[in-house]
């Protein structure tokens, strides 16, 4: 888990599931483009789970994967 932003993003999501803008506020100094890239990488590595809810408009909520939360 290398990189400047991965750990702060994961730590933000361990506390509670959050939407994109909530993560932006939590992780100071990160740009929207970099946050989107980092979330995609974390999701591909199964460290973050992306939940899409069929609401109007669509809601996307990110949360730490069970691997991170339980430590298994």
C-alpha atoms as a PDB file:
ATOM      1  CA  UNK A   1       0.000   0.000   0.000  1.00  0.00           C
ATOM      2  CA  UNK A   2       2.404   2.616  -1.232  1.00  0.00           C
ATOM      3  CA  UNK A   3       1.586   6.148  -2.180  1.00  0.00           C
ATOM      4  CA  UNK A   4       0.908   9.355  -0.368  1.00  0.00           C
ATOM      5  CA  UNK A   5      -2.895   9.154  -0.297  1.00  0.00           C
ATOM      6  CA  UNK A   6      -3.857   5.487   0.126  1.00  0.00           C
ATOM      7  CA  UNK A   7      -3.440   5.280   3.895  1.00  0.00           C
ATOM      8  CA  UNK A   8      -5.330   8.526   4.674  1.00  0.00           C
ATOM      9  CA  UNK A   9      -8.193   7.397   2.403  1.00  0.00           C
ATOM     10  CA  UNK A  10      -8.441   3.965   4.040  1.00  0.00           C
ATOM     11  CA  UNK A  11      -8.266   5.485   7.524  1.00  0.00           C
ATOM     12  CA  UNK A  12     -11.078   7.855   6.595  1.00  0.00           C
ATOM     13  CA  UNK A  13     -13.242   4.929   5.498  1.00  0.00           C
ATOM     14  CA  UNK A  14     -12.481   2.747   8.525  1.00  0.00           C
ATOM     15  CA  UNK A  15     -14.415   5.188  10.698  1.00  0.00           C
ATOM     16  CA  UNK A  16     -17.555   5.109   8.544  1.00  0.00           C
ATOM     17  CA  UNK A  17     -18.698   4.604   4.936  1.00  0.00           C
ATOM     18  CA  UNK A  18     -18.542   7.869   3.002  1.00  0.00           C
ATOM     19  CA  UNK A  19     -19.473   9.470  -0.289  1.00  0.00           C
ATOM     20  CA  UNK A  20     -16.823  10.936  -2.601  1.00  0.00           C
ATOM     21  CA  UNK A  21     -17.195  14.538  -1.385  1.00  0.00           C
ATOM     22  CA  UNK A  22     -17.090  13.442   2.261  1.00  0.00           C
ATOM     23  CA  UNK A  23     -13.754  11.726   1.599  1.00  0.00           C
ATOM     24  CA  UNK A  24     -12.526  14.901  -0.149  1.00  0.00           C
ATOM     25  CA  UNK A  25     -13.283  16.915   3.001  1.00  0.00           C
ATOM     26  CA  UNK A  26     -11.693  14.296   5.259  1.00  0.00           C
ATOM     27  CA  UNK A  27      -8.433  13.979   3.288  1.00  0.00           C
ATOM     28  CA  UNK A  28      -7.111  17.516   3.032  1.00  0.00           C
ATOM     29  CA  UNK A  29      -5.073  18.514  -0.007  1.00  0.00           C
ATOM     30  CA  UNK A  30      -6.131  15.734  -2.374  1.00  0.00           C
ATOM     31  CA  UNK A  31      -7.518  16.659  -5.789  1.00  0.00           C
ATOM     32  CA  UNK A  32     -10.714  15.070  -7.154  1.00  0.00           C
ATOM     33  CA  UNK A  33      -8.758  13.440  -9.999  1.00  0.00           C
ATOM     34  CA  UNK A  34      -6.222  11.839  -7.657  1.00  0.00           C
ATOM     35  CA  UNK A  35      -8.934  10.719  -5.235  1.00  0.00           C
ATOM     36  CA  UNK A  36     -10.833   9.017  -8.071  1.00  0.00           C
ATOM     37  CA  UNK A  37      -7.661   7.232  -9.216  1.00  0.00           C
ATOM     38  CA  UNK A  38      -6.735   6.145  -5.707  1.00  0.00           C
ATOM     39  CA  UNK A  39     -10.250   4.856  -4.961  1.00  0.00           C
ATOM     40  CA  UNK A  40     -10.149   2.846  -8.185  1.00  0.00           C
ATOM     41  CA  UNK A  41      -6.786   1.287  -7.236  1.00  0.00           C
ATOM     42  CA  UNK A  42      -7.949   0.531  -3.698  1.00  0.00           C
ATOM     43  CA  UNK A  43     -11.116  -1.080  -5.059  1.00  0.00           C
ATOM     44  CA  UNK A  44      -9.095  -3.216  -7.515  1.00  0.00           C
ATOM     45  CA  UNK A  45      -6.886  -4.379  -4.618  1.00  0.00           C
ATOM     46  CA  UNK A  46      -9.989  -5.204  -2.536  1.00  0.00           C
ATOM     47  CA  UNK A  47      -9.191  -2.691   0.192  1.00  0.00           C
ATOM     48  CA  UNK A  48     -12.240  -0.519  -0.522  1.00  0.00           C
ATOM     49  CA  UNK A  49     -15.773  -1.539  -1.463  1.00  0.00           C
ATOM     50  CA  UNK A  50     -17.808   0.690  -3.801  1.00  0.00           C
ATOM     51  CA  UNK A  51     -21.564   0.448  -3.207  1.00  0.00           C
ATOM     52  CA  UNK A  52     -23.939   1.834  -5.840  1.00  0.00           C
ATOM     53  CA  UNK A  53     -27.520   2.521  -4.751  1.00  0.00           C
ATOM     54  CA  UNK A  54     -30.309   2.901  -7.314  1.00  0.00           C
ATOM     55  CA  UNK A  55     -31.672   6.186  -6.049  1.00  0.00           C
ATOM     56  CA  UNK A  56     -32.371   9.345  -8.006  1.00  0.00           C
ATOM     57  CA  UNK A  57     -29.679  10.539  -8.458  1.00  0.00           C
ATOM     58  CA  UNK A  58     -27.538   7.413  -8.058  1.00  0.00           C
ATOM     59  CA  UNK A  59     -25.734   7.248  -4.713  1.00  0.00           C
ATOM     60  CA  UNK A  60     -22.220   5.840  -4.517  1.00  0.00           C
ATOM     61  CA  UNK A  61     -20.807   5.083  -1.084  1.00  0.00           C
ATOM     62  CA  UNK A  62     -17.290   3.824  -0.367  1.00  0.00           C
ATOM     63  CA  UNK A  63     -16.367   1.747   2.662  1.00  0.00           C
ATOM     64  CA  UNK A  64     -13.343  -0.134   3.944  1.00  0.00           C
ATOM     65  CA  UNK A  65     -13.437  -3.781   2.925  1.00  0.00           C
ATOM     66  CA  UNK A  66     -14.028  -6.474   5.556  1.00  0.00           C
ATOM     67  CA  UNK A  67     -10.320  -7.402   5.184  1.00  0.00           C
ATOM     68  CA  UNK A  68      -9.353  -4.004   6.607  1.00  0.00           C
ATOM     69  CA  UNK A  69     -12.031  -3.778   9.288  1.00  0.00           C
ATOM     70  CA  UNK A  70     -11.604  -7.272  10.734  1.00  0.00           C
ATOM     71  CA  UNK A  71      -7.890  -7.560  10.054  1.00  0.00           C
ATOM     72  CA  UNK A  72      -8.280 -10.946   8.298  1.00  0.00           C
END
